[in-house]
Amino acid sequence: MSRPLHRLDLNLLLTLQLLLHERSVTKTAKKLSVTPSAVSKSLYKLREWFDDPLFVRTPQGLQPTPLALSMEKELSEWFQVATQILAKRSSDTPKGIHFQLMMESPLHMVTLEKLSQRIHQQYQDATVGIRNWDYDSIEAIINGNADIGFSGRESHPRSQETLDLLPYYIDYEILFTDQPMVFMHHSHPALTQTWNIDTFLAYRHIGIVWEQRESWALDEVLASMGCSRSIALTVSTFEQSLFMAAKSEHIFMTTAPSYCRHFTRHHYPELVALPLPLNEEAQNQLAIPFTLMWHKRNKHNPKSIWLRETIKALVSDCDPLAFP
């Protein structure tokens, strides 16, 4: 006997789709940002609903039953239809909408200074919120509290912030790849010495808290060389670190993406930028892919599509890597 659809929690179907893709309760839990126990409970409910085990445990992982396999194509199509239905809500209400953006500072000031103007030209009654990228930004995108994120990720293989560790729900596109540079006041004594790793480590540094961590890929690279930085001061954004490095009363230096040269040229002309004194292999491990991120449910959302294309066009016009 068939059961009425309204009695089925449709979130269970999404869990089933992921289980078919991942063949693992643990991996599915990671994609959903829930505990493995929660996925196991959902699987129990699905087995009751379909009156079928759906998956059998084997040494190679979960193996779907014939019934589960027969639903794989339909579940994928259902997910696409659901996404398109969600998109219709945005296209039907073009006025009075809100944009919530999570963006690295000062990246949005360098590349996207015209973004709010473009938004209001397209959506006259829109309100726009821009928040600095932080530890909770990914969760805000997943929960629907943010439309889009734009921030640097890390390339170091031991980093927790690489693109392949983003949750399943997050789609992304790399807009450009940058390299970190060292910024210091033009009167800094290091500028009178040979610029090498010994000079770089001889002075104290301003550190950044990046997604609740006070160390990042640079520190991993230095540790592999048996070295470490001496951190005198820790702040929460690159913008703050550049502000402090521009003070002539101390001799701290800081490390920030090279796009910041444009920002410092206009706001802190007393700062000098130098490349990190590392070999090519180490530099490659520090590459920063600056990435646009959004939730999969917004893939076909007209508002989200317009926002992504607008940001991409502004970044392309700006060409942050061309700044001296």
C-alpha atoms as a PDB file:
ATOM      1  CA  MET A   1       0.000   0.000   0.000  1.00  0.00           C
ATOM      2  CA  SER A   2       1.400   3.394  -0.985  1.00  0.00           C
ATOM      3  CA  ARG A   3       1.843   6.039   1.686  1.00  0.00           C
ATOM      4  CA  PRO A   4       0.866   9.719   1.310  1.00  0.00           C
ATOM      5  CA  LEU A   5       3.770  11.951   0.307  1.00  0.00           C
ATOM      6  CA  HIS A   6       3.001  14.568   2.944  1.00  0.00           C
ATOM      7  CA  ARG A   7       3.977  12.067   5.636  1.00  0.00           C
ATOM      8  CA  LEU A   8       7.516  11.734   4.260  1.00  0.00           C
ATOM      9  CA  ASP A   9      10.207  14.183   5.418  1.00  0.00           C
ATOM     10  CA  LEU A  10      11.706  15.262   2.083  1.00  0.00           C
ATOM     11  CA  ASN A  11      15.054  15.861   3.798  1.00  0.00           C
ATOM     12  CA  LEU A  12      15.299  12.066   3.987  1.00  0.00           C
ATOM     13  CA  LEU A  13      15.381  11.899   0.197  1.00  0.00           C
ATOM     14  CA  LEU A  14      18.359  14.232   0.116  1.00  0.00           C
ATOM     15  CA  THR A  15      20.110  11.959   2.632  1.00  0.00           C
ATOM     16  CA  LEU A  16      19.306   8.970   0.428  1.00  0.00           C
ATOM     17  CA  GLN A  17      20.712  10.722  -2.640  1.00  0.00           C
ATOM     18  CA  LEU A  18      23.960  11.475  -0.811  1.00  0.00           C
ATOM     19  CA  LEU A  19      24.221   7.927   0.536  1.00  0.00           C
ATOM     20  CA  LEU A  20      23.918   6.630  -3.023  1.00  0.00           C
ATOM     21  CA  HIS A  21      26.698   8.975  -4.099  1.00  0.00           C
ATOM     22  CA  GLU A  22      29.068   8.546  -1.129  1.00  0.00           C
ATOM     23  CA  ARG A  23      28.341   4.913  -0.133  1.00  0.00           C
ATOM     24  CA  SER A  24      29.357   5.914   3.401  1.00  0.00           C
ATOM     25  CA  VAL A  25      27.454   7.140   6.469  1.00  0.00           C
ATOM     26  CA  THR A  26      30.496   9.082   7.692  1.00  0.00           C
ATOM     27  CA  LYS A  27      31.095  10.863   4.366  1.00  0.00           C
ATOM     28  CA  THR A  28      27.398  11.632   4.002  1.00  0.00           C
ATOM     29  CA  ALA A  29      27.352  13.125   7.499  1.00  0.00           C
ATOM     30  CA  LYS A  30      30.312  15.326   6.591  1.00  0.00           C
ATOM     31  CA  LYS A  31      28.568  16.568   3.431  1.00  0.00           C
ATOM     32  CA  LEU A  32      25.431  17.359   5.423  1.00  0.00           C
ATOM     33  CA  SER A  33      27.404  18.878   8.327  1.00  0.00           C
ATOM     34  CA  VAL A  34      25.651  16.533  10.787  1.00  0.00           C
ATOM     35  CA  THR A  35      26.770  13.601  12.923  1.00  0.00           C
ATOM     36  CA  PRO A  36      26.993  10.024  11.581  1.00  0.00           C
ATOM     37  CA  SER A  37      24.369   9.116  14.197  1.00  0.00           C
ATOM     38  CA  ALA A  38      21.903  11.544  12.591  1.00  0.00           C
ATOM     39  CA  VAL A  39      22.484   9.949   9.173  1.00  0.00           C
ATOM     40  CA  SER A  40      22.002   6.461  10.646  1.00  0.00           C
ATOM     41  CA  LYS A  41      18.673   7.556  12.144  1.00  0.00           C
ATOM     42  CA  SER A  42      17.588   8.957   8.778  1.00  0.00           C
ATOM     43  CA  LEU A  43      18.571   5.692   7.079  1.00  0.00           C
ATOM     44  CA  TYR A  44      16.487   3.765   9.623  1.00  0.00           C
ATOM     45  CA  LYS A  45      13.441   5.914   8.776  1.00  0.00           C
ATOM     46  CA  LEU A  46      14.045   5.419   5.047  1.00  0.00           C
ATOM     47  CA  ARG A  47      14.244   1.653   5.489  1.00  0.00           C
ATOM     48  CA  GLU A  48      10.933   1.702   7.340  1.00  0.00           C
ATOM     49  CA  TRP A  49       9.275   3.862   4.694  1.00  0.00           C
ATOM     50  CA  PHE A  50      10.432   1.777   1.705  1.00  0.00           C
ATOM     51  CA  ASP A  51      10.302  -1.543   3.587  1.00  0.00           C
ATOM     52  CA  ASP A  52      13.738  -2.366   2.205  1.00  0.00           C
ATOM     53  CA  PRO A  53      17.262  -2.386   3.717  1.00  0.00           C
ATOM     54  CA  LEU A  54      18.365   0.028   0.902  1.00  0.00           C
ATOM     55  CA  PHE A  55      22.061  -0.527   1.759  1.00  0.00           C
ATOM     56  CA  VAL A  56      24.097  -3.545   2.845  1.00  0.00           C
ATOM     57  CA  ARG A  57      27.412  -3.153   4.681  1.00  0.00           C
ATOM     58  CA  THR A  58      30.409  -4.738   2.916  1.00  0.00           C
ATOM     59  CA  PRO A  59      34.214  -4.404   3.316  1.00  0.00           C
ATOM     60  CA  GLN A  60      34.065  -1.965   0.376  1.00  0.00           C
ATOM     61  CA  GLY A  61      31.467   0.239   2.092  1.00  0.00           C
ATOM     62  CA  LEU A  62      27.708   0.497   1.753  1.00  0.00           C
ATOM     63  CA  GLN A  63      26.314  -1.345  -1.273  1.00  0.00           C
ATOM     64  CA  PRO A  64      22.854  -0.231  -2.436  1.00  0.00           C
ATOM     65  CA  THR A  65      20.078  -2.768  -2.917  1.00  0.00           C
ATOM     66  CA  PRO A  66      18.369  -3.051  -6.315  1.00  0.00           C
ATOM     67  CA  LEU A  67      15.528  -0.860  -5.029  1.00  0.00           C
ATOM     68  CA  ALA A  68      17.923   1.875  -3.918  1.00  0.00           C
ATOM     69  CA  LEU A  69      19.764   1.739  -7.259  1.00  0.00           C
ATOM     70  CA  SER A  70      16.474   2.011  -9.131  1.00  0.00           C
ATOM     71  CA  MET A  71      15.808   5.361  -7.413  1.00  0.00           C
ATOM     72  CA  GLU A  72      19.202   6.964  -8.084  1.00  0.00           C
ATOM     73  CA  LYS A  73      18.261   8.646 -11.376  1.00  0.00           C
ATOM     74  CA  GLU A  74      14.867   9.820 -10.105  1.00  0.00           C
ATOM     75  CA  LEU A  75      16.423  11.307  -6.962  1.00  0.00           C
ATOM     76  CA  SER A  76      18.918  13.283  -9.038  1.00  0.00           C
ATOM     77  CA  GLU A  77      16.098  14.633 -11.222  1.00  0.00           C
ATOM     78  CA  TRP A  78      14.010  15.446  -8.143  1.00  0.00           C
ATOM     79  CA  PHE A  79      16.870  17.487  -6.696  1.00  0.00           C
ATOM     80  CA  GLN A  80      17.163  19.484  -9.936  1.00  0.00           C
ATOM     81  CA  VAL A  81      13.403  20.138 -10.063  1.00  0.00           C
ATOM     82  CA  ALA A  82      13.389  21.224  -6.415  1.00  0.00           C
ATOM     83  CA  THR A  83      16.234  23.650  -7.139  1.00  0.00           C
ATOM     84  CA  GLN A  84      14.323  25.150 -10.068  1.00  0.00           C
ATOM     85  CA  ILE A  85      11.197  25.569  -7.923  1.00  0.00           C
ATOM     86  CA  LEU A  86      13.215  27.434  -5.295  1.00  0.00           C
ATOM     87  CA  ALA A  87      14.572  29.703  -8.020  1.00  0.00           C
ATOM     88  CA  LYS A  88      11.075  30.760  -9.077  1.00  0.00           C
ATOM     89  CA  ARG A  89      10.474  32.454  -5.742  1.00  0.00           C
ATOM     90  CA  SER A  90      13.310  34.904  -6.367  1.00  0.00           C
ATOM     91  CA  SER A  91      12.258  35.685  -9.926  1.00  0.00           C
ATOM     92  CA  ASP A  92       8.698  36.441  -8.802  1.00  0.00           C
ATOM     93  CA  THR A  93       9.796  38.968  -6.146  1.00  0.00           C
ATOM     94  CA  PRO A  94      12.399  41.256  -7.732  1.00  0.00           C
ATOM     95  CA  LYS A  95      11.614  44.240  -5.487  1.00  0.00           C
ATOM     96  CA  GLY A  96      12.500  44.803  -1.867  1.00  0.00           C
ATOM     97  CA  ILE A  97      14.903  41.877  -1.700  1.00  0.00           C
ATOM     98  CA  HIS A  98      17.966  41.603   0.526  1.00  0.00           C
ATOM     99  CA  PHE A  99      21.512  40.656  -0.434  1.00  0.00           C
ATOM    100  CA  GLN A 100      23.792  39.283   2.280  1.00  0.00           C
ATOM    101  CA  LEU A 101      27.429  38.981   1.225  1.00  0.00           C
ATOM    102  CA  MET A 102      30.327  37.421   3.166  1.00  0.00           C
ATOM    103  CA  MET A 103      33.597  38.851   1.812  1.00  0.00           C
ATOM    104  CA  GLU A 104      37.223  39.061   2.802  1.00  0.00           C
ATOM    105  CA  SER A 105      38.480  42.486   3.854  1.00  0.00           C
ATOM    106  CA  PRO A 106      39.943  44.483   2.138  1.00  0.00           C
ATOM    107  CA  LEU A 107      39.239  42.338  -0.970  1.00  0.00           C
ATOM    108  CA  HIS A 108      35.730  43.710  -1.449  1.00  0.00           C
ATOM    109  CA  MET A 109      37.025  47.280  -1.178  1.00  0.00           C
ATOM    110  CA  VAL A 110      39.643  46.645  -3.862  1.00  0.00           C
ATOM    111  CA  THR A 111      37.693  44.609  -6.411  1.00  0.00           C
ATOM    112  CA  LEU A 112      34.018  45.258  -5.648  1.00  0.00           C
ATOM    113  CA  GLU A 113      33.702  48.920  -4.772  1.00  0.00           C
ATOM    114  CA  LYS A 114      30.980  49.275  -7.442  1.00  0.00           C
ATOM    115  CA  LEU A 115      29.021  46.167  -6.443  1.00  0.00           C
ATOM    116  CA  SER A 116      26.395  47.854  -4.262  1.00  0.00           C
ATOM    117  CA  GLN A 117      25.817  50.416  -7.036  1.00  0.00           C
ATOM    118  CA  ARG A 118      25.269  47.629  -9.570  1.00  0.00           C
ATOM    119  CA  ILE A 119      22.859  45.855  -7.210  1.00  0.00           C
ATOM    120  CA  HIS A 120      20.736  48.964  -6.728  1.00  0.00           C
ATOM    121  CA  GLN A 121      20.680  49.616 -10.452  1.00  0.00           C
ATOM    122  CA  GLN A 122      19.256  46.145 -11.013  1.00  0.00           C
ATOM    123  CA  TYR A 123      17.078  45.937  -7.871  1.00  0.00           C
ATOM    124  CA  GLN A 124      16.106  49.480  -6.925  1.00  0.00           C
ATOM    125  CA  ASP A 125      14.509  48.623  -3.581  1.00  0.00           C
ATOM    126  CA  ALA A 126      17.154  46.100  -2.517  1.00  0.00           C
ATOM    127  CA  THR A 127      19.046  46.240   0.772  1.00  0.00           C
ATOM    128  CA  VAL A 128      22.661  45.066   0.874  1.00  0.00           C
ATOM    129  CA  GLY A 129      24.639  43.688   3.799  1.00  0.00           C
ATOM    130  CA  ILE A 130      28.393  43.041   3.541  1.00  0.00           C
ATOM    131  CA  ARG A 131      30.053  41.140   6.382  1.00  0.00           C
ATOM    132  CA  ASN A 132      33.684  40.216   6.746  1.00  0.00           C
ATOM    133  CA  TRP A 133      34.491  36.594   5.956  1.00  0.00           C
ATOM    134  CA  ASP A 134      34.953  34.624   9.177  1.00  0.00           C
ATOM    135  CA  TYR A 135      34.647  31.180  10.730  1.00  0.00           C
ATOM    136  CA  ASP A 136      30.831  31.175  10.510  1.00  0.00           C
ATOM    137  CA  SER A 137      30.549  32.304   6.886  1.00  0.00           C
ATOM    138  CA  ILE A 138      30.285  28.814   5.366  1.00  0.00           C
ATOM    139  CA  GLU A 139      27.542  27.952   7.844  1.00  0.00           C
ATOM    140  CA  ALA A 140      25.722  31.184   6.950  1.00  0.00           C
ATOM    141  CA  ILE A 141      25.740  30.171   3.278  1.00  0.00           C
ATOM    142  CA  ILE A 142      24.509  26.656   4.113  1.00  0.00           C
ATOM    143  CA  ASN A 143      21.737  27.962   6.374  1.00  0.00           C
ATOM    144  CA  GLY A 144      20.550  30.498   3.805  1.00  0.00           C
ATOM    145  CA  ASN A 145      21.664  33.492   5.889  1.00  0.00           C
ATOM    146  CA  ALA A 146      24.129  34.592   3.179  1.00  0.00           C
ATOM    147  CA  ASP A 147      23.730  34.660  -0.589  1.00  0.00           C
ATOM    148  CA  ILE A 148      27.368  34.347  -1.511  1.00  0.00           C
ATOM    149  CA  GLY A 149      30.913  34.307  -0.162  1.00  0.00           C
ATOM    150  CA  PHE A 150      34.106  35.637  -1.702  1.00  0.00           C
ATOM    151  CA  SER A 151      37.379  34.845   0.024  1.00  0.00           C
ATOM    152  CA  GLY A 152      40.784  33.276  -0.333  1.00  0.00           C
ATOM    153  CA  ARG A 153      41.286  29.573   0.379  1.00  0.00           C
ATOM    154  CA  GLU A 154      44.557  27.719   0.981  1.00  0.00           C
ATOM    155  CA  SER A 155      46.518  25.297  -1.213  1.00  0.00           C
ATOM    156  CA  HIS A 156      48.840  23.699   1.337  1.00  0.00           C
ATOM    157  CA  PRO A 157      48.042  19.947   1.447  1.00  0.00           C
ATOM    158  CA  ARG A 158      47.766  19.929   5.264  1.00  0.00           C
ATOM    159  CA  SER A 159      45.508  22.964   5.428  1.00  0.00           C
ATOM    160  CA  GLN A 160      41.947  22.686   6.732  1.00  0.00           C
ATOM    161  CA  GLU A 161      40.837  25.443   4.339  1.00  0.00           C
ATOM    162  CA  THR A 162      41.423  23.812   0.947  1.00  0.00           C
ATOM    163  CA  LEU A 163      38.674  23.813  -1.669  1.00  0.00           C
ATOM    164  CA  ASP A 164      38.254  20.045  -1.612  1.00  0.00           C
ATOM    165  CA  LEU A 165      37.272  20.248   2.066  1.00  0.00           C
ATOM    166  CA  LEU A 166      34.320  22.550   1.417  1.00  0.00           C
ATOM    167  CA  PRO A 167      30.980  20.911   2.344  1.00  0.00           C
ATOM    168  CA  TYR A 168      29.060  19.102  -0.370  1.00  0.00           C
ATOM    169  CA  TYR A 169      26.399  21.816  -0.375  1.00  0.00           C
ATOM    170  CA  ILE A 170      28.843  24.496  -1.538  1.00  0.00           C
ATOM    171  CA  ASP A 171      29.447  25.225  -5.211  1.00  0.00           C
ATOM    172  CA  TYR A 172      32.387  27.455  -6.061  1.00  0.00           C
ATOM    173  CA  GLU A 173      34.390  29.135  -8.816  1.00  0.00           C
ATOM    174  CA  ILE A 174      37.981  30.402  -8.580  1.00  0.00           C
ATOM    175  CA  LEU A 175      38.157  33.973  -9.902  1.00  0.00           C
ATOM    176  CA  PHE A 176      41.920  34.471  -9.576  1.00  0.00           C
ATOM    177  CA  THR A 177      44.921  32.993  -7.768  1.00  0.00           C
ATOM    178  CA  ASP A 178      47.200  35.182  -5.676  1.00  0.00           C
ATOM    179  CA  GLN A 179      50.415  34.897  -3.670  1.00  0.00           C
ATOM    180  CA  PRO A 180      51.144  36.328  -0.197  1.00  0.00           C
ATOM    181  CA  MET A 181      53.632  39.171   0.194  1.00  0.00           C
ATOM    182  CA  VAL A 182      55.352  40.829   3.144  1.00  0.00           C
ATOM    183  CA  PHE A 183      54.359  44.405   4.050  1.00  0.00           C
ATOM    184  CA  MET A 184      56.383  46.736   6.284  1.00  0.00           C
ATOM    185  CA  HIS A 185      56.887  50.450   6.941  1.00  0.00           C
ATOM    186  CA  HIS A 186      59.371  52.130   4.560  1.00  0.00           C
ATOM    187  CA  SER A 187      61.611  52.896   7.567  1.00  0.00           C
ATOM    188  CA  HIS A 188      61.749  49.250   8.682  1.00  0.00           C
ATOM    189  CA  PRO A 189      65.373  48.174   9.335  1.00  0.00           C
ATOM    190  CA  ALA A 190      64.874  44.980   7.332  1.00  0.00           C
ATOM    191  CA  LEU A 191      64.946  47.103   4.193  1.00  0.00           C
ATOM    192  CA  THR A 192      68.606  47.911   4.836  1.00  0.00           C
ATOM    193  CA  GLN A 193      69.535  44.203   4.939  1.00  0.00           C
ATOM    194  CA  THR A 194      69.718  41.407   2.417  1.00  0.00           C
ATOM    195  CA  TRP A 195      66.161  40.143   1.928  1.00  0.00           C
ATOM    196  CA  ASN A 196      66.232  36.449   2.768  1.00  0.00           C
ATOM    197  CA  ILE A 197      64.588  34.009   5.168  1.00  0.00           C
ATOM    198  CA  ASP A 198      66.929  34.966   8.003  1.00  0.00           C
ATOM    199  CA  THR A 199      65.971  38.639   7.704  1.00  0.00           C
ATOM    200  CA  PHE A 200      62.295  37.726   7.431  1.00  0.00           C
ATOM    201  CA  LEU A 201      62.444  35.719  10.674  1.00  0.00           C
ATOM    202  CA  ALA A 202      64.690  38.138  12.566  1.00  0.00           C
ATOM    203  CA  TYR A 203      61.829  40.573  13.189  1.00  0.00           C
ATOM    204  CA  ARG A 204      58.461  40.251  14.890  1.00  0.00           C
ATOM    205  CA  HIS A 205      55.271  39.819  12.913  1.00  0.00           C
ATOM    206  CA  ILE A 206      51.607  40.754  12.950  1.00  0.00           C
ATOM    207  CA  GLY A 207      49.492  37.616  12.652  1.00  0.00           C
ATOM    208  CA  ILE A 208      45.944  37.013  11.417  1.00  0.00           C
ATOM    209  CA  VAL A 209      43.218  34.921  13.039  1.00  0.00           C
ATOM    210  CA  TRP A 210      41.949  32.994  10.023  1.00  0.00           C
ATOM    211  CA  GLU A 211      38.731  31.047  10.628  1.00  0.00           C
ATOM    212  CA  GLN A 212      39.550  30.749  14.359  1.00  0.00           C
ATOM    213  CA  ARG A 213      43.156  29.667  13.733  1.00  0.00           C
ATOM    214  CA  GLU A 214      46.189  31.812  14.504  1.00  0.00           C
ATOM    215  CA  SER A 215      48.465  29.872  12.161  1.00  0.00           C
ATOM    216  CA  TRP A 216      48.061  29.228   8.454  1.00  0.00           C
ATOM    217  CA  ALA A 217      49.832  27.617   5.498  1.00  0.00           C
ATOM    218  CA  LEU A 218      52.883  29.884   5.818  1.00  0.00           C
ATOM    219  CA  ASP A 219      53.496  28.560   9.312  1.00  0.00           C
ATOM    220  CA  GLU A 220      53.205  24.970   8.041  1.00  0.00           C
ATOM    221  CA  VAL A 221      55.810  25.682   5.360  1.00  0.00           C
ATOM    222  CA  LEU A 222      58.160  27.340   7.851  1.00  0.00           C
ATOM    223  CA  ALA A 223      57.717  24.446  10.308  1.00  0.00           C
ATOM    224  CA  SER A 224      58.782  21.988   7.582  1.00  0.00           C
ATOM    225  CA  MET A 225      61.971  24.067   7.315  1.00  0.00           C
ATOM    226  CA  GLY A 226      62.516  23.978  11.077  1.00  0.00           C
ATOM    227  CA  CYS A 227      61.585  27.666  11.403  1.00  0.00           C
ATOM    228  CA  SER A 228      58.816  29.746  12.914  1.00  0.00           C
ATOM    229  CA  ARG A 229      57.702  33.359  13.034  1.00  0.00           C
ATOM    230  CA  SER A 230      57.692  35.453  16.193  1.00  0.00           C
ATOM    231  CA  ILE A 231      54.150  36.860  16.421  1.00  0.00           C
ATOM    232  CA  ALA A 232      53.974  40.099  18.390  1.00  0.00           C
ATOM    233  CA  LEU A 233      50.370  41.019  17.618  1.00  0.00           C
ATOM    234  CA  THR A 234      47.341  39.154  16.286  1.00  0.00           C
ATOM    235  CA  VAL A 235      44.364  40.797  14.558  1.00  0.00           C
ATOM    236  CA  SER A 236      41.301  39.496  12.717  1.00  0.00           C
ATOM    237  CA  THR A 237      41.662  40.897   9.167  1.00  0.00           C
ATOM    238  CA  PHE A 238      44.347  41.741   6.636  1.00  0.00           C
ATOM    239  CA  GLU A 239      43.046  45.293   6.670  1.00  0.00           C
ATOM    240  CA  GLN A 240      43.795  45.588  10.401  1.00  0.00           C
ATOM    241  CA  SER A 241      47.237  44.037  10.011  1.00  0.00           C
ATOM    242  CA  LEU A 242      48.165  46.540   7.285  1.00  0.00           C
ATOM    243  CA  PHE A 243      46.942  49.410   9.459  1.00  0.00           C
ATOM    244  CA  MET A 244      49.224  48.306  12.274  1.00  0.00           C
ATOM    245  CA  ALA A 245      52.208  47.614  10.001  1.00  0.00           C
ATOM    246  CA  ALA A 246      51.930  51.183   8.678  1.00  0.00           C
ATOM    247  CA  LYS A 247      52.704  52.580  12.143  1.00  0.00           C
ATOM    248  CA  SER A 248      56.260  53.896  12.244  1.00  0.00           C
ATOM    249  CA  GLU A 249      56.597  53.583  16.020  1.00  0.00           C
ATOM    250  CA  HIS A 250      57.151  49.819  15.898  1.00  0.00           C
ATOM    251  CA  ILE A 251      59.068  47.451  13.623  1.00  0.00           C
ATOM    252  CA  PHE A 252      56.453  44.779  12.977  1.00  0.00           C
ATOM    253  CA  MET A 253      55.894  43.332   9.531  1.00  0.00           C
ATOM    254  CA  THR A 254      52.851  41.445   8.252  1.00  0.00           C
ATOM    255  CA  THR A 255      51.991  39.035   5.453  1.00  0.00           C
ATOM    256  CA  ALA A 256      48.957  39.585   3.225  1.00  0.00           C
ATOM    257  CA  PRO A 257      47.798  38.711  -0.313  1.00  0.00           C
ATOM    258  CA  SER A 258      49.495  40.682  -3.069  1.00  0.00           C
ATOM    259  CA  TYR A 259      46.196  42.299  -4.151  1.00  0.00           C
ATOM    260  CA  CYS A 260      46.562  44.394  -0.987  1.00  0.00           C
ATOM    261  CA  ARG A 261      49.210  46.443  -2.775  1.00  0.00           C
ATOM    262  CA  HIS A 262      46.415  48.387  -4.447  1.00  0.00           C
ATOM    263  CA  PHE A 263      44.757  49.004  -1.075  1.00  0.00           C
ATOM    264  CA  THR A 264      47.990  50.157   0.569  1.00  0.00           C
ATOM    265  CA  ARG A 265      48.921  52.394  -2.360  1.00  0.00           C
ATOM    266  CA  HIS A 266      45.763  54.429  -1.705  1.00  0.00           C
ATOM    267  CA  HIS A 267      45.490  54.140   2.078  1.00  0.00           C
ATOM    268  CA  TYR A 268      48.976  53.358   3.443  1.00  0.00           C
ATOM    269  CA  PRO A 269      51.550  54.617   0.910  1.00  0.00           C
ATOM    270  CA  GLU A 270      54.234  54.347   3.596  1.00  0.00           C
ATOM    271  CA  LEU A 271      54.106  50.542   3.329  1.00  0.00           C
ATOM    272  CA  VAL A 272      56.580  48.607   1.192  1.00  0.00           C
ATOM    273  CA  ALA A 273      55.716  45.170  -0.221  1.00  0.00           C
ATOM    274  CA  LEU A 274      58.303  42.415  -0.743  1.00  0.00           C
ATOM    275  CA  PRO A 275      57.915  38.820  -1.954  1.00  0.00           C
ATOM    276  CA  LEU A 276      58.197  36.065   0.612  1.00  0.00           C
ATOM    277  CA  PRO A 277      61.855  34.910   0.620  1.00  0.00           C
ATOM    278  CA  LEU A 278      60.979  31.274  -0.167  1.00  0.00           C
ATOM    279  CA  ASN A 279      61.805  28.916  -3.012  1.00  0.00           C
ATOM    280  CA  GLU A 280      59.361  28.154  -5.830  1.00  0.00           C
ATOM    281  CA  GLU A 281      58.115  24.903  -4.288  1.00  0.00           C
ATOM    282  CA  ALA A 282      57.221  26.636  -1.032  1.00  0.00           C
ATOM    283  CA  GLN A 283      55.612  29.530  -2.903  1.00  0.00           C
ATOM    284  CA  ASN A 284      53.391  27.079  -4.816  1.00  0.00           C
ATOM    285  CA  GLN A 285      52.145  25.633  -1.533  1.00  0.00           C
ATOM    286  CA  LEU A 286      51.081  29.140  -0.492  1.00  0.00           C
ATOM    287  CA  ALA A 287      49.008  29.923  -3.606  1.00  0.00           C
ATOM    288  CA  ILE A 288      45.692  31.541  -2.633  1.00  0.00           C
ATOM    289  CA  PRO A 289      42.723  30.702  -4.895  1.00  0.00           C
ATOM    290  CA  PHE A 290      40.257  33.555  -4.400  1.00  0.00           C
ATOM    291  CA  THR A 291      36.949  31.843  -4.659  1.00  0.00           C
ATOM    292  CA  LEU A 292      33.278  32.690  -5.117  1.00  0.00           C
ATOM    293  CA  MET A 293      31.094  30.321  -3.029  1.00  0.00           C
ATOM    294  CA  TRP A 294      27.333  29.705  -2.954  1.00  0.00           C
ATOM    295  CA  HIS A 295      24.865  26.980  -1.950  1.00  0.00           C
ATOM    296  CA  LYS A 296      23.921  24.330  -4.514  1.00  0.00           C
ATOM    297  CA  ARG A 297      20.250  25.188  -4.088  1.00  0.00           C
ATOM    298  CA  ASN A 298      21.010  28.579  -5.673  1.00  0.00           C
ATOM    299  CA  LYS A 299      22.663  27.132  -8.783  1.00  0.00           C
ATOM    300  CA  HIS A 300      19.675  28.088 -10.977  1.00  0.00           C
ATOM    301  CA  ASN A 301      18.385  30.951  -8.837  1.00  0.00           C
ATOM    302  CA  PRO A 302      18.114  34.057 -11.109  1.00  0.00           C
ATOM    303  CA  LYS A 303      19.118  36.440  -8.322  1.00  0.00           C
ATOM    304  CA  SER A 304      22.147  34.310  -7.428  1.00  0.00           C
ATOM    305  CA  ILE A 305      23.149  33.860 -11.076  1.00  0.00           C
ATOM    306  CA  TRP A 306      22.968  37.621 -11.670  1.00  0.00           C
ATOM    307  CA  LEU A 307      25.008  38.301  -8.511  1.00  0.00           C
ATOM    308  CA  ARG A 308      27.712  35.789  -9.437  1.00  0.00           C
ATOM    309  CA  GLU A 309      28.031  37.096 -12.998  1.00  0.00           C
ATOM    310  CA  THR A 310      28.168  40.690 -11.768  1.00  0.00           C
ATOM    311  CA  ILE A 311      30.937  39.906  -9.274  1.00  0.00           C
ATOM    312  CA  LYS A 312      32.908  37.981 -11.891  1.00  0.00           C
ATOM    313  CA  ALA A 313      32.646  40.903 -14.322  1.00  0.00           C
ATOM    314  CA  LEU A 314      33.761  43.426 -11.688  1.00  0.00           C
ATOM    315  CA  VAL A 315      36.753  41.293 -10.672  1.00  0.00           C
ATOM    316  CA  SER A 316      37.702  40.792 -14.323  1.00  0.00           C
ATOM    317  CA  ASP A 317      37.508  44.529 -14.994  1.00  0.00           C
ATOM    318  CA  CYS A 318      39.516  45.240 -11.856  1.00  0.00           C
ATOM    319  CA  ASP A 319      42.245  42.616 -12.477  1.00  0.00           C
ATOM    320  CA  PRO A 320      43.633  42.664  -8.901  1.00  0.00           C
ATOM    321  CA  LEU A 321      46.889  40.943  -9.902  1.00  0.00           C
ATOM    322  CA  ALA A 322      47.767  43.792 -12.255  1.00  0.00           C
ATOM    323  CA  PHE A 323      48.096  46.335  -9.462  1.00  0.00           C
ATOM    324  CA  PRO A 324      51.621  47.594  -8.860  1.00  0.00           C
END
